[in-house]
């Protein structure tokens, strides 16, 4: 009886080893676009750097009451990594201000497909 149970367990594990990776790949949509952030600066043909607090486009706080201001200085690419840095600063009046980086691809790509984008 113990020998049969071990045999069933080994068969089950072998099936899992071959079926799970294939199932996982089969369920992922096709990759249509990606950016590896090569080099040391953001590729502005793919990305916009959002700046300000959203008020210029009529949504102060970017629509969800964010208290930080986005600046281009907080967006960096270094060694294949995108860095969106948050900073806590004191202004001239001694008040605390927050800045960070924000990017988007608005109006840069005409993508009308369903798939994976990285």
Foldseek 3Di string as FASTA:
>chain_A
DVVVVVVVVVVVVVCCVPPVVVVVVVPAFDEDEEDQLPDKADDVLQKDKDFAQCVVVPCGNVVPVPQATEDPVQWIGDPSDTGWDKDWDADPVRDIHIYTIDMDRPPNDDDDDDHDYD
